[in-house]
Amino acid sequence: MKLASKARKESLDHMIQGDKNMLDVSMNNIRKSINTACLMGLRYAVLDKTGIDAVDAEICATVEESGYKIASNTSKIIIQW
């Protein structure tokens, strides 16, 4: 197999399988975290920060726009309702 073909295949495999170390910051996953916390009787959900300030800020802004309160520290985002 040529090197370019191998790299292209690995890239496609990565896109299909996803990176196991990546955090899922989709709104679907955030809503799932909130729903799980509600079912457990909690008034908050905790998310890991991505480590990228711009992404973390966008997550906070988007969740706040949905009517939730946000608190954060160096490694976590806390969503309260």
PDB file of N, CA and C in Angstrom:
ATOM      1  N   MET A   1       0.855  -1.180   0.000  1.00  0.00           N
ATOM      2  CA  MET A   1       0.000   0.000   0.000  1.00  0.00           C
ATOM      3  C   MET A   1       0.897   1.238   0.000  1.00  0.00           C
ATOM      4  N   LYS A   2       0.558   2.189  -0.830  1.00  0.00           N
ATOM      5  CA  LYS A   2       1.333   3.427  -0.877  1.00  0.00           C
ATOM      6  C   LYS A   2       1.112   4.226   0.406  1.00  0.00           C
ATOM      7  N   LEU A   3       2.104   5.036   0.721  1.00  0.00           N
ATOM      8  CA  LEU A   3       2.041   5.828   1.954  1.00  0.00           C
ATOM      9  C   LEU A   3       0.828   6.760   1.957  1.00  0.00           C
ATOM     10  N   ALA A   4       0.562   7.425   0.806  1.00  0.00           N
ATOM     11  CA  ALA A   4      -0.573   8.348   0.736  1.00  0.00           C
ATOM     12  C   ALA A   4      -1.888   7.602   0.925  1.00  0.00           C
ATOM     13  N   SER A   5      -1.994   6.416   0.338  1.00  0.00           N
ATOM     14  CA  SER A   5      -3.218   5.620   0.477  1.00  0.00           C
ATOM     15  C   SER A   5      -3.414   5.191   1.921  1.00  0.00           C
ATOM     16  N   LYS A   6      -2.324   4.808   2.571  1.00  0.00           N
ATOM     17  CA  LYS A   6      -2.401   4.383   3.961  1.00  0.00           C
ATOM     18  C   LYS A   6      -2.831   5.547   4.849  1.00  0.00           C
ATOM     19  N   ALA A   7      -2.257   6.718   4.629  1.00  0.00           N
ATOM     20  CA  ALA A   7      -2.616   7.898   5.426  1.00  0.00           C
ATOM     21  C   ALA A   7      -4.080   8.262   5.205  1.00  0.00           C
ATOM     22  N   ARG A   8      -4.546   8.171   3.962  1.00  0.00           N
ATOM     23  CA  ARG A   8      -5.943   8.487   3.657  1.00  0.00           C
ATOM     24  C   ARG A   8      -6.871   7.487   4.354  1.00  0.00           C
ATOM     25  N   LYS A   9      -6.512   6.208   4.328  1.00  0.00           N
ATOM     26  CA  LYS A   9      -7.316   5.182   4.995  1.00  0.00           C
ATOM     27  C   LYS A   9      -7.353   5.420   6.500  1.00  0.00           C
ATOM     28  N   GLU A  10      -6.203   5.733   7.098  1.00  0.00           N
ATOM     29  CA  GLU A  10      -6.167   6.002   8.534  1.00  0.00           C
ATOM     30  C   GLU A  10      -7.009   7.219   8.877  1.00  0.00           C
ATOM     31  N   SER A  11      -6.976   8.229   8.011  1.00  0.00           N
ATOM     32  CA  SER A  11      -7.775   9.426   8.237  1.00  0.00           C
ATOM     33  C   SER A  11      -9.260   9.099   8.182  1.00  0.00           C
ATOM     34  N   LEU A  12      -9.651   8.289   7.201  1.00  0.00           N
ATOM     35  CA  LEU A  12     -11.057   7.898   7.098  1.00  0.00           C
ATOM     36  C   LEU A  12     -11.479   7.047   8.293  1.00  0.00           C
ATOM     37  N   ASP A  13     -10.609   6.115   8.703  1.00  0.00           N
ATOM     38  CA  ASP A  13     -10.910   5.300   9.885  1.00  0.00           C
ATOM     39  C   ASP A  13     -11.107   6.183  11.106  1.00  0.00           C
ATOM     40  N   HIS A  14     -10.256   7.191  11.255  1.00  0.00           N
ATOM     41  CA  HIS A  14     -10.351   8.115  12.387  1.00  0.00           C
ATOM     42  C   HIS A  14     -11.682   8.860  12.356  1.00  0.00           C
ATOM     43  N   MET A  15     -12.092   9.315  11.161  1.00  0.00           N
ATOM     44  CA  MET A  15     -13.344  10.055  11.041  1.00  0.00           C
ATOM     45  C   MET A  15     -14.539   9.163  11.354  1.00  0.00           C
ATOM     46  N   ILE A  16     -14.463   7.898  10.949  1.00  0.00           N
ATOM     47  CA  ILE A  16     -15.575   6.980  11.177  1.00  0.00           C
ATOM     48  C   ILE A  16     -15.654   6.580  12.649  1.00  0.00           C
ATOM     49  N   GLN A  17     -14.519   6.217  13.242  1.00  0.00           N
ATOM     50  CA  GLN A  17     -14.493   5.734  14.618  1.00  0.00           C
ATOM     51  C   GLN A  17     -14.436   6.851  15.635  1.00  0.00           C
ATOM     52  N   GLY A  18     -13.902   7.984  15.277  1.00  0.00           N
ATOM     53  CA  GLY A  18     -13.740   9.086  16.211  1.00  0.00           C
ATOM     54  C   GLY A  18     -12.522   8.879  17.077  1.00  0.00           C
ATOM     55  N   ASP A  19     -12.078   9.921  17.678  1.00  0.00           N
ATOM     56  CA  ASP A  19     -10.930   9.853  18.573  1.00  0.00           C
ATOM     57  C   ASP A  19     -11.451   9.551  19.970  1.00  0.00           C
ATOM     58  N   LYS A  20     -11.010   8.471  20.552  1.00  0.00           N
ATOM     59  CA  LYS A  20     -11.491   8.042  21.864  1.00  0.00           C
ATOM     60  C   LYS A  20     -11.127   9.030  22.966  1.00  0.00           C
ATOM     61  N   ASN A  21     -10.122   9.885  22.727  1.00  0.00           N
ATOM     62  CA  ASN A  21      -9.693  10.852  23.728  1.00  0.00           C
ATOM     63  C   ASN A  21     -10.433  12.179  23.617  1.00  0.00           C
ATOM     64  N   MET A  22     -11.234  12.343  22.573  1.00  0.00           N
ATOM     65  CA  MET A  22     -11.939  13.605  22.383  1.00  0.00           C
ATOM     66  C   MET A  22     -13.170  13.668  23.283  1.00  0.00           C
ATOM     67  N   LEU A  23     -13.469  14.847  23.752  1.00  0.00           N
ATOM     68  CA  LEU A  23     -14.680  15.062  24.529  1.00  0.00           C
ATOM     69  C   LEU A  23     -15.835  15.326  23.578  1.00  0.00           C
ATOM     70  N   ASP A  24     -16.991  14.805  23.884  1.00  0.00           N
ATOM     71  CA  ASP A  24     -18.187  15.067  23.089  1.00  0.00           C
ATOM     72  C   ASP A  24     -18.847  16.313  23.658  1.00  0.00           C
ATOM     73  N   VAL A  25     -18.717  17.425  22.948  1.00  0.00           N
ATOM     74  CA  VAL A  25     -19.274  18.687  23.428  1.00  0.00           C
ATOM     75  C   VAL A  25     -20.528  19.090  22.647  1.00  0.00           C
ATOM     76  N   SER A  26     -21.161  18.111  22.015  1.00  0.00           N
ATOM     77  CA  SER A  26     -22.383  18.399  21.276  1.00  0.00           C
ATOM     78  C   SER A  26     -23.508  18.742  22.249  1.00  0.00           C
ATOM     79  N   MET A  27     -24.463  19.505  21.788  1.00  0.00           N
ATOM     80  CA  MET A  27     -25.602  19.849  22.646  1.00  0.00           C
ATOM     81  C   MET A  27     -26.383  18.597  23.021  1.00  0.00           C
ATOM     82  N   ASN A  28     -26.398  17.599  22.140  1.00  0.00           N
ATOM     83  CA  ASN A  28     -27.078  16.344  22.496  1.00  0.00           C
ATOM     84  C   ASN A  28     -26.430  15.711  23.712  1.00  0.00           C
ATOM     85  N   ASN A  29     -25.121  15.681  23.761  1.00  0.00           N
ATOM     86  CA  ASN A  29     -24.430  15.095  24.901  1.00  0.00           C
ATOM     87  C   ASN A  29     -24.607  15.946  26.153  1.00  0.00           C
ATOM     88  N   ILE A  30     -24.595  17.262  25.991  1.00  0.00           N
ATOM     89  CA  ILE A  30     -24.805  18.153  27.142  1.00  0.00           C
ATOM     90  C   ILE A  30     -26.213  17.947  27.696  1.00  0.00           C
ATOM     91  N   ARG A  31     -27.205  17.863  26.800  1.00  0.00           N
ATOM     92  CA  ARG A  31     -28.579  17.614  27.260  1.00  0.00           C
ATOM     93  C   ARG A  31     -28.692  16.262  27.951  1.00  0.00           C
ATOM     94  N   LYS A  32     -27.980  15.267  27.436  1.00  0.00           N
ATOM     95  CA  LYS A  32     -27.991  13.938  28.058  1.00  0.00           C
ATOM     96  C   LYS A  32     -27.419  14.015  29.474  1.00  0.00           C
ATOM     97  N   SER A  33     -26.351  14.798  29.656  1.00  0.00           N
ATOM     98  CA  SER A  33     -25.764  14.974  30.984  1.00  0.00           C
ATOM     99  C   SER A  33     -26.741  15.656  31.928  1.00  0.00           C
ATOM    100  N   ILE A  34     -27.447  16.656  31.415  1.00  0.00           N
ATOM    101  CA  ILE A  34     -28.446  17.367  32.229  1.00  0.00           C
ATOM    102  C   ILE A  34     -29.590  16.428  32.600  1.00  0.00           C
ATOM    103  N   ASN A  35     -30.088  15.668  31.633  1.00  0.00           N
ATOM    104  CA  ASN A  35     -31.188  14.738  31.907  1.00  0.00           C
ATOM    105  C   ASN A  35     -30.782  13.682  32.920  1.00  0.00           C
ATOM    106  N   THR A  36     -29.571  13.163  32.797  1.00  0.00           N
ATOM    107  CA  THR A  36     -29.074  12.158  33.744  1.00  0.00           C
ATOM    108  C   THR A  36     -29.001  12.734  35.150  1.00  0.00           C
ATOM    109  N   ALA A  37     -28.492  13.969  35.256  1.00  0.00           N
ATOM    110  CA  ALA A  37     -28.407  14.619  36.570  1.00  0.00           C
ATOM    111  C   ALA A  37     -29.804  14.819  37.164  1.00  0.00           C
ATOM    112  N   CYS A  38     -30.759  15.217  36.330  1.00  0.00           N
ATOM    113  CA  CYS A  38     -32.138  15.388  36.813  1.00  0.00           C
ATOM    114  C   CYS A  38     -32.707  14.076  37.328  1.00  0.00           C
ATOM    115  N   LEU A  39     -32.481  12.995  36.585  1.00  0.00           N
ATOM    116  CA  LEU A  39     -32.987  11.686  37.005  1.00  0.00           C
ATOM    117  C   LEU A  39     -32.362  11.233  38.316  1.00  0.00           C
ATOM    118  N   MET A  40     -31.147  11.702  38.585  1.00  0.00           N
ATOM    119  CA  MET A  40     -30.462  11.364  39.834  1.00  0.00           C
ATOM    120  C   MET A  40     -30.869  12.298  40.974  1.00  0.00           C
ATOM    121  N   GLY A  41     -31.744  13.273  40.680  1.00  0.00           N
ATOM    122  CA  GLY A  41     -32.212  14.195  41.709  1.00  0.00           C
ATOM    123  C   GLY A  41     -31.280  15.367  41.956  1.00  0.00           C
ATOM    124  N   LEU A  42     -30.315  15.579  41.071  1.00  0.00           N
ATOM    125  CA  LEU A  42     -29.373  16.692  41.236  1.00  0.00           C
ATOM    126  C   LEU A  42     -29.930  17.962  40.591  1.00  0.00           C
ATOM    127  N   ARG A  43     -29.380  19.090  40.985  1.00  0.00           N
ATOM    128  CA  ARG A  43     -29.743  20.388  40.409  1.00  0.00           C
ATOM    129  C   ARG A  43     -28.601  20.960  39.572  1.00  0.00           C
ATOM    130  N   TYR A  44     -27.647  20.104  39.232  1.00  0.00           N
ATOM    131  CA  TYR A  44     -26.504  20.559  38.435  1.00  0.00           C
ATOM    132  C   TYR A  44     -25.905  19.382  37.679  1.00  0.00           C
ATOM    133  N   ALA A  45     -25.210  19.694  36.586  1.00  0.00           N
ATOM    134  CA  ALA A  45     -24.450  18.703  35.822  1.00  0.00           C
ATOM    135  C   ALA A  45     -23.028  19.232  35.693  1.00  0.00           C
ATOM    136  N   VAL A  46     -22.068  18.339  35.665  1.00  0.00           N
ATOM    137  CA  VAL A  46     -20.660  18.728  35.582  1.00  0.00           C
ATOM    138  C   VAL A  46     -20.081  18.200  34.279  1.00  0.00           C
ATOM    139  N   LEU A  47     -19.455  19.094  33.521  1.00  0.00           N
ATOM    140  CA  LEU A  47     -18.792  18.731  32.275  1.00  0.00           C
ATOM    141  C   LEU A  47     -17.296  18.989  32.409  1.00  0.00           C
ATOM    142  N   ASP A  48     -16.491  18.171  31.777  1.00  0.00           N
ATOM    143  CA  ASP A  48     -15.055  18.442  31.698  1.00  0.00           C
ATOM    144  C   ASP A  48     -14.810  19.548  30.690  1.00  0.00           C
ATOM    145  N   LYS A  49     -13.883  20.447  30.994  1.00  0.00           N
ATOM    146  CA  LYS A  49     -13.491  21.460  30.029  1.00  0.00           C
ATOM    147  C   LYS A  49     -12.634  20.815  28.941  1.00  0.00           C
ATOM    148  N   THR A  50     -12.633  21.428  27.770  1.00  0.00           N
ATOM    149  CA  THR A  50     -11.849  20.900  26.655  1.00  0.00           C
ATOM    150  C   THR A  50     -10.389  21.278  26.766  1.00  0.00           C
ATOM    151  N   GLY A  51     -10.095  22.357  27.480  1.00  0.00           N
ATOM    152  CA  GLY A  51      -8.727  22.858  27.546  1.00  0.00           C
ATOM    153  C   GLY A  51      -8.458  23.921  26.497  1.00  0.00           C
ATOM    154  N   ILE A  52      -9.443  24.169  25.648  1.00  0.00           N
ATOM    155  CA  ILE A  52      -9.338  25.219  24.630  1.00  0.00           C
ATOM    156  C   ILE A  52     -10.283  26.333  25.065  1.00  0.00           C
ATOM    157  N   ASP A  53      -9.721  27.451  25.454  1.00  0.00           N
ATOM    158  CA  ASP A  53     -10.514  28.532  26.053  1.00  0.00           C
ATOM    159  C   ASP A  53     -11.676  28.979  25.179  1.00  0.00           C
ATOM    160  N   ALA A  54     -11.450  29.127  23.880  1.00  0.00           N
ATOM    161  CA  ALA A  54     -12.502  29.596  22.977  1.00  0.00           C
ATOM    162  C   ALA A  54     -13.653  28.591  22.905  1.00  0.00           C
ATOM    163  N   VAL A  55     -13.341  27.313  22.885  1.00  0.00           N
ATOM    164  CA  VAL A  55     -14.380  26.273  22.842  1.00  0.00           C
ATOM    165  C   VAL A  55     -15.151  26.259  24.157  1.00  0.00           C
ATOM    166  N   ASP A  56     -14.437  26.321  25.262  1.00  0.00           N
ATOM    167  CA  ASP A  56     -15.098  26.326  26.573  1.00  0.00           C
ATOM    168  C   ASP A  56     -16.006  27.539  26.729  1.00  0.00           C
ATOM    169  N   ALA A  57     -15.556  28.689  26.267  1.00  0.00           N
ATOM    170  CA  ALA A  57     -16.371  29.902  26.343  1.00  0.00           C
ATOM    171  C   ALA A  57     -17.628  29.767  25.483  1.00  0.00           C
ATOM    172  N   GLU A  58     -17.502  29.156  24.327  1.00  0.00           N
ATOM    173  CA  GLU A  58     -18.657  28.967  23.442  1.00  0.00           C
ATOM    174  C   GLU A  58     -19.649  27.978  24.047  1.00  0.00           C
ATOM    175  N   ILE A  59     -19.149  26.934  24.671  1.00  0.00           N
ATOM    176  CA  ILE A  59     -20.028  25.985  25.358  1.00  0.00           C
ATOM    177  C   ILE A  59     -20.810  26.705  26.450  1.00  0.00           C
ATOM    178  N   CYS A  60     -20.115  27.497  27.256  1.00  0.00           N
ATOM    179  CA  CYS A  60     -20.769  28.243  28.343  1.00  0.00           C
ATOM    180  C   CYS A  60     -21.816  29.200  27.792  1.00  0.00           C
ATOM    181  N   ALA A  61     -21.471  29.932  26.740  1.00  0.00           N
ATOM    182  CA  ALA A  61     -22.405  30.901  26.153  1.00  0.00           C
ATOM    183  C   ALA A  61     -23.642  30.201  25.587  1.00  0.00           C
ATOM    184  N   THR A  62     -23.444  29.093  24.909  1.00  0.00           N
ATOM    185  CA  THR A  62     -24.566  28.365  24.317  1.00  0.00           C
ATOM    186  C   THR A  62     -25.485  27.799  25.384  1.00  0.00           C
ATOM    187  N   VAL A  63     -24.911  27.249  26.424  1.00  0.00           N
ATOM    188  CA  VAL A  63     -25.730  26.678  27.503  1.00  0.00           C
ATOM    189  C   VAL A  63     -26.458  27.791  28.253  1.00  0.00           C
ATOM    190  N   GLU A  64     -25.791  28.918  28.472  1.00  0.00           N
ATOM    191  CA  GLU A  64     -26.448  30.062  29.132  1.00  0.00           C
ATOM    192  C   GLU A  64     -27.621  30.574  28.309  1.00  0.00           C
ATOM    193  N   GLU A  65     -27.463  30.586  26.988  1.00  0.00           N
ATOM    194  CA  GLU A  65     -28.552  31.029  26.114  1.00  0.00           C
ATOM    195  C   GLU A  65     -29.772  30.125  26.234  1.00  0.00           C
ATOM    196  N   SER A  66     -29.544  28.888  26.649  1.00  0.00           N
ATOM    197  CA  SER A  66     -30.645  27.947  26.835  1.00  0.00           C
ATOM    198  C   SER A  66     -31.334  28.125  28.182  1.00  0.00           C
ATOM    199  N   GLY A  67     -30.853  29.074  28.996  1.00  0.00           N
ATOM    200  CA  GLY A  67     -31.509  29.398  30.258  1.00  0.00           C
ATOM    201  C   GLY A  67     -30.880  28.783  31.496  1.00  0.00           C
ATOM    202  N   TYR A  68     -29.735  28.153  31.354  1.00  0.00           N
ATOM    203  CA  TYR A  68     -29.066  27.548  32.500  1.00  0.00           C
ATOM    204  C   TYR A  68     -28.051  28.516  33.097  1.00  0.00           C
ATOM    205  N   LYS A  69     -27.726  28.317  34.365  1.00  0.00           N
ATOM    206  CA  LYS A  69     -26.665  29.077  35.020  1.00  0.00           C
ATOM    207  C   LYS A  69     -25.370  28.302  34.863  1.00  0.00           C
ATOM    208  N   ILE A  70     -24.270  29.031  34.700  1.00  0.00           N
ATOM    209  CA  ILE A  70     -22.971  28.411  34.467  1.00  0.00           C
ATOM    210  C   ILE A  70     -21.993  28.851  35.539  1.00  0.00           C
ATOM    211  N   ALA A  71     -21.215  27.899  36.020  1.00  0.00           N
ATOM    212  CA  ALA A  71     -20.071  28.178  36.886  1.00  0.00           C
ATOM    213  C   ALA A  71     -18.932  27.325  36.349  1.00  0.00           C
ATOM    214  N   SER A  72     -17.706  27.803  36.494  1.00  0.00           N
ATOM    215  CA  SER A  72     -16.585  26.999  36.006  1.00  0.00           C
ATOM    216  C   SER A  72     -15.336  27.254  36.836  1.00  0.00           C
ATOM    217  N   ASN A  73     -14.455  26.282  36.778  1.00  0.00           N
ATOM    218  CA  ASN A  73     -13.132  26.456  37.370  1.00  0.00           C
ATOM    219  C   ASN A  73     -12.105  26.047  36.319  1.00  0.00           C
ATOM    220  N   THR A  74     -10.939  25.681  36.721  1.00  0.00           N
ATOM    221  CA  THR A  74      -9.886  25.396  35.732  1.00  0.00           C
ATOM    222  C   THR A  74     -10.129  24.128  34.932  1.00  0.00           C
ATOM    223  N   SER A  75     -10.929  23.194  35.447  1.00  0.00           N
ATOM    224  CA  SER A  75     -11.087  21.927  34.729  1.00  0.00           C
ATOM    225  C   SER A  75     -12.534  21.500  34.482  1.00  0.00           C
ATOM    226  N   LYS A  76     -13.494  22.172  35.079  1.00  0.00           N
ATOM    227  CA  LYS A  76     -14.899  21.752  34.969  1.00  0.00           C
ATOM    228  C   LYS A  76     -15.815  22.910  34.634  1.00  0.00           C
ATOM    229  N   ILE A  77     -16.915  22.585  33.960  1.00  0.00           N
ATOM    230  CA  ILE A  77     -18.013  23.510  33.715  1.00  0.00           C
ATOM    231  C   ILE A  77     -19.218  22.930  34.471  1.00  0.00           C
ATOM    232  N   ILE A  78     -19.848  23.733  35.306  1.00  0.00           N
ATOM    233  CA  ILE A  78     -20.994  23.282  36.077  1.00  0.00           C
ATOM    234  C   ILE A  78     -22.228  23.981  35.539  1.00  0.00           C
ATOM    235  N   ILE A  79     -23.223  23.188  35.196  1.00  0.00           N
ATOM    236  CA  ILE A  79     -24.472  23.699  34.660  1.00  0.00           C
ATOM    237  C   ILE A  79     -25.526  23.548  35.765  1.00  0.00           C
ATOM    238  N   GLN A  80     -26.149  24.655  36.149  1.00  0.00           N
ATOM    239  CA  GLN A  80     -27.125  24.647  37.238  1.00  0.00           C
ATOM    240  C   GLN A  80     -28.481  25.091  36.712  1.00  0.00           C
ATOM    241  N   TRP A  81     -29.530  24.593  37.356  1.00  0.00           N
ATOM    242  CA  TRP A  81     -30.887  25.015  36.996  1.00  0.00           C
ATOM    243  C   TRP A  81     -31.755  25.150  38.211  1.00  0.00           C
TER     244      TRP A  81
END
